[in-house]
C-alpha atoms as a PDB file:
ATOM      1  CA  MET A   1      -4.991 -12.439  15.478  1.00  0.00           C
ATOM      2  CA  PRO A   2      -3.030  -9.257  16.336  1.00  0.00           C
ATOM      3  CA  LEU A   3      -3.898  -6.603  14.904  1.00  0.00           C
ATOM      4  CA  ARG A   4      -1.870  -5.440  11.681  1.00  0.00           C
ATOM      5  CA  GLU A   5      -1.816  -0.896  10.923  1.00  0.00           C
ATOM      6  CA  ASN A   6       0.323  -1.620   7.796  1.00  0.00           C
ATOM      7  CA  LEU A   7       0.417  -4.311   4.880  1.00  0.00           C
ATOM      8  CA  ILE A   8       4.139  -3.115   4.136  1.00  0.00           C
ATOM      9  CA  ASP A   9       5.473  -4.767   7.430  1.00  0.00           C
ATOM     10  CA  ALA A  10       8.281  -7.131   8.107  1.00  0.00           C
ATOM     11  CA  ARG A  11       7.388  -9.642   5.657  1.00  0.00           C
ATOM     12  CA  PHE A  12       8.297  -7.467   2.917  1.00  0.00           C
ATOM     13  CA  VAL A  13      12.199  -7.277   3.852  1.00  0.00           C
ATOM     14  CA  GLY A  14      13.918  -8.233   0.851  1.00  0.00           C
ATOM     15  CA  ARG A  15      11.560  -8.113  -1.557  1.00  0.00           C
ATOM     16  CA  GLU A  16      11.615  -5.388  -4.558  1.00  0.00           C
ATOM     17  CA  ILE A  17       9.026  -2.717  -4.581  1.00  0.00           C
ATOM     18  CA  THR A  18       8.562   0.299  -6.231  1.00  0.00           C
ATOM     19  CA  PHE A  19       7.332   3.561  -4.127  1.00  0.00           C
ATOM     20  CA  ARG A  20       5.428   6.787  -5.811  1.00  0.00           C
ATOM     21  CA  VAL A  21       6.425   9.587  -3.385  1.00  0.00           C
ATOM     22  CA  ARG A  22       4.775  13.183  -3.009  1.00  0.00           C
ATOM     23  CA  GLY A  23       7.051  15.760  -4.426  1.00  0.00           C
ATOM     24  CA  LEU A  24       9.587  13.094  -6.191  1.00  0.00           C
ATOM     25  CA  GLU A  25       8.712  13.108 -10.330  1.00  0.00           C
ATOM     26  CA  GLU A  26      10.243   9.762 -10.661  1.00  0.00           C
ATOM     27  CA  PRO A  27       9.096   6.787  -8.430  1.00  0.00           C
ATOM     28  CA  VAL A  28      11.349   5.105  -6.150  1.00  0.00           C
ATOM     29  CA  LYS A  29      12.034   1.417  -6.505  1.00  0.00           C
ATOM     30  CA  GLY A  30      14.794  -1.009  -4.245  1.00  0.00           C
ATOM     31  CA  VAL A  31      14.636  -3.557  -2.230  1.00  0.00           C
ATOM     32  CA  ILE A  32      13.044  -2.865   1.298  1.00  0.00           C
ATOM     33  CA  ASP A  33      16.024  -3.617   4.049  1.00  0.00           C
ATOM     34  CA  GLU A  34      14.046  -2.437   6.887  1.00  0.00           C
ATOM     35  CA  VAL A  35      10.324  -1.960   8.218  1.00  0.00           C
ATOM     36  CA  ALA A  36       9.278   0.765  11.005  1.00  0.00           C
ATOM     37  CA  ARG A  37       6.060   2.142  12.228  1.00  0.00           C
ATOM     38  CA  TYR A  38       6.957   5.462  10.049  1.00  0.00           C
ATOM     39  CA  GLU A  39      10.017   4.928   7.716  1.00  0.00           C
ATOM     40  CA  ILE A  40      10.774   2.117   4.705  1.00  0.00           C
ATOM     41  CA  GLY A  41      14.559   1.543   4.421  1.00  0.00           C
ATOM     42  CA  VAL A  42      14.860   0.763   0.701  1.00  0.00           C
ATOM     43  CA  ARG A  43      18.222   0.035  -1.335  1.00  0.00           C
ATOM     44  CA  SER A  44      18.412   1.582  -4.415  1.00  0.00           C
ATOM     45  CA  GLU A  45      20.650   2.099  -7.269  1.00  0.00           C
ATOM     46  CA  GLY A  46      22.839   0.413  -4.185  1.00  0.00           C
ATOM     47  CA  LYS A  47      22.328   3.874  -1.835  1.00  0.00           C
ATOM     48  CA  PRO A  48      20.256   2.949   1.020  1.00  0.00           C
ATOM     49  CA  VAL A  49      17.269   5.460   1.426  1.00  0.00           C
ATOM     50  CA  VAL A  50      14.196   5.729   3.849  1.00  0.00           C
ATOM     51  CA  ILE A  51      11.114   6.619   2.902  1.00  0.00           C
ATOM     52  CA  PHE A  52       8.244   8.356   5.451  1.00  0.00           C
ATOM     53  CA  ARG A  53       4.962   6.451   4.884  1.00  0.00           C
ATOM     54  CA  HIS A  54       2.806  10.342   4.853  1.00  0.00           C
ATOM     55  CA  ALA A  55       5.099  10.577   1.836  1.00  0.00           C
ATOM     56  CA  ILE A  56       3.681   7.636  -0.053  1.00  0.00           C
ATOM     57  CA  LEU A  57       1.358   8.453  -2.118  1.00  0.00           C
ATOM     58  CA  TYR A  58       1.232   4.046  -3.275  1.00  0.00           C
ATOM     59  CA  ALA A  59       3.288   1.098  -3.756  1.00  0.00           C
ATOM     60  CA  VAL A  60       4.135  -1.170  -6.639  1.00  0.00           C
ATOM     61  CA  ALA A  61       4.547  -4.897  -5.639  1.00  0.00           C
ATOM     62  CA  GLU A  62       4.013  -8.374  -7.119  1.00  0.00           C
ATOM     63  CA  ALA A  63       0.282  -9.566  -6.870  1.00  0.00           C
ATOM     64  CA  THR A  64       0.871 -11.999  -4.583  1.00  0.00           C
ATOM     65  CA  GLU A  65       1.871 -10.251  -2.076  1.00  0.00           C
ATOM     66  CA  LEU A  66      -1.576  -9.003  -1.390  1.00  0.00           C
ATOM     67  CA  HIS A  67      -2.725 -12.906  -1.484  1.00  0.00           C
ATOM     68  CA  GLY A  68      -5.583 -14.207   1.080  1.00  0.00           C
ATOM     69  CA  TYR A  69      -8.310 -12.721   3.281  1.00  0.00           C
ATOM     70  CA  SER A  70      -7.545  -9.730   5.508  1.00  0.00           C
ATOM     71  CA  GLY A  71      -9.564 -10.217   8.591  1.00  0.00           C
ATOM     72  CA  GLU A  72      -7.864  -7.946  10.986  1.00  0.00           C
ATOM     73  CA  GLN A  73     -10.312  -5.827  13.002  1.00  0.00           C
ATOM     74  CA  LEU A  74     -10.753  -2.501  12.238  1.00  0.00           C
ATOM     75  CA  ARG A  75     -12.895  -0.574  14.947  1.00  0.00           C
ATOM     76  CA  ASP A  76     -13.576   3.215  13.396  1.00  0.00           C
ATOM     77  CA  THR A  77     -13.569   2.698   9.927  1.00  0.00           C
ATOM     78  CA  VAL A  78     -15.647   2.743   7.301  1.00  0.00           C
ATOM     79  CA  ILE A  79     -13.827   0.151   4.898  1.00  0.00           C
ATOM     80  CA  ASP A  80     -13.821  -3.019   5.895  1.00  0.00           C
ATOM     81  CA  SER A  81     -12.866  -6.907   5.649  1.00  0.00           C
ATOM     82  CA  GLU A  82     -16.690  -8.019   4.024  1.00  0.00           C
ATOM     83  CA  MET A  83     -15.669  -4.897   1.501  1.00  0.00           C
ATOM     84  CA  VAL A  84     -12.783  -7.638  -0.005  1.00  0.00           C
ATOM     85  CA  GLY A  85     -13.228  -8.721  -3.340  1.00  0.00           C
ATOM     86  CA  SER A  86     -14.935  -5.248  -4.692  1.00  0.00           C
ATOM     87  CA  ASP A  87     -13.870  -3.720  -7.718  1.00  0.00           C
ATOM     88  CA  VAL A  88     -12.790   0.164  -6.951  1.00  0.00           C
ATOM     89  CA  SER A  89     -11.673   3.033  -8.543  1.00  0.00           C
ATOM     90  CA  VAL A  90      -9.564   4.986  -6.080  1.00  0.00           C
ATOM     91  CA  ARG A  91      -8.815   9.042  -5.884  1.00  0.00           C
ATOM     92  CA  LEU A  92      -5.632   9.915  -4.715  1.00  0.00           C
ATOM     93  CA  VAL A  93      -5.297  13.569  -2.923  1.00  0.00           C
ATOM     94  CA  THR A  94      -2.922  14.331  -6.260  1.00  0.00           C
ATOM     95  CA  GLY A  95      -6.556  14.011  -8.382  1.00  0.00           C
ATOM     96  CA  GLU A  96      -4.595  10.562  -9.913  1.00  0.00           C
ATOM     97  CA  GLU A  97      -7.122   7.007  -9.906  1.00  0.00           C
ATOM     98  CA  LEU A  98      -6.232   3.492  -9.665  1.00  0.00           C
ATOM     99  CA  SER A  99      -8.395   0.898  -9.623  1.00  0.00           C
ATOM    100  CA  GLY A 100      -8.716  -2.365  -9.167  1.00  0.00           C
ATOM    101  CA  LYS A 101      -9.898  -5.450  -6.802  1.00  0.00           C
ATOM    102  CA  LEU A 102      -9.762  -4.518  -2.975  1.00  0.00           C
ATOM    103  CA  MET A 103      -7.668  -7.799  -1.373  1.00  0.00           C
ATOM    104  CA  LYS A 104      -6.498  -5.899   1.728  1.00  0.00           C
ATOM    105  CA  VAL A 105      -7.284  -3.837   4.300  1.00  0.00           C
ATOM    106  CA  THR A 106      -5.459  -2.077   7.843  1.00  0.00           C
ATOM    107  CA  LYS A 107      -5.709  -0.003   9.661  1.00  0.00           C
ATOM    108  CA  TYR A 108      -4.065   2.697   7.848  1.00  0.00           C
ATOM    109  CA  GLU A 109      -3.190   0.855   4.219  1.00  0.00           C
ATOM    110  CA  LEU A 110      -5.321  -0.558   1.545  1.00  0.00           C
ATOM    111  CA  GLY A 111      -3.997  -3.411  -1.133  1.00  0.00           C
ATOM    112  CA  PHE A 112      -5.787  -3.945  -3.962  1.00  0.00           C
ATOM    113  CA  ARG A 113      -4.873  -5.878  -7.771  1.00  0.00           C
ATOM    114  CA  SER A 114      -4.440  -3.876 -10.437  1.00  0.00           C
ATOM    115  CA  ASP A 115      -4.097  -6.350 -13.911  1.00  0.00           C
ATOM    116  CA  ASP A 116      -0.635  -7.646 -12.564  1.00  0.00           C
ATOM    117  CA  LYS A 117      -0.121  -6.081  -9.953  1.00  0.00           C
ATOM    118  CA  GLY A 118       0.107  -5.116  -6.273  1.00  0.00           C
ATOM    119  CA  ILE A 119      -1.010  -1.909  -5.560  1.00  0.00           C
ATOM    120  CA  ILE A 120      -0.931  -0.519  -1.203  1.00  0.00           C
ATOM    121  CA  VAL A 121      -2.112   2.854  -0.808  1.00  0.00           C
ATOM    122  CA  PRO A 122      -2.043   4.570   2.393  1.00  0.00           C
ATOM    123  CA  LYS A 123      -5.121   6.134   3.746  1.00  0.00           C
ATOM    124  CA  SER A 124      -3.550   9.202   3.881  1.00  0.00           C
ATOM    125  CA  SER A 125      -3.676   9.537  -0.252  1.00  0.00           C
ATOM    126  CA  ILE A 126      -6.650   8.901  -0.903  1.00  0.00           C
ATOM    127  CA  ALA A 127      -9.300  11.141  -1.316  1.00  0.00           C
ATOM    128  CA  LEU A 128     -12.212   9.074  -1.929  1.00  0.00           C
ATOM    129  CA  ILE A 129     -13.129   5.358  -3.078  1.00  0.00           C
ATOM    130  CA  ARG A 130     -15.477   4.370  -5.710  1.00  0.00           C
ATOM    131  CA  PHE A 131     -17.012   0.876  -4.930  1.00  0.00           C
ATOM    132  CA  LEU A 132     -17.831  -0.114  -8.757  1.00  0.00           C
END
């Protein structure tokens, strides 16, 4: 099984997603056109936008995008696939707090369900996680 480093990959092309980006007050909402290792191309309000992964605080997608079990090899990480299904509270580096059920774990991102939404958070945007 190949190692998935990011949850947001080519499978998201053509899907609508909302990004909370560092330094922007308003979220960027649009349809993903292209996905690369460090950037995501989005068509937002009819115009192309490139979002750099290091600037993403979190992304909101359909909850169904985070279905299934994550069993990737996660070396050198504390949070692994055995924690999938746990209720978590995620404190972002901005101080904002999100909570839900952990659904996916990759090398660089975590995915959890919160109400009827799927939340994808880059690990670089997380200050700490509490397991509830």
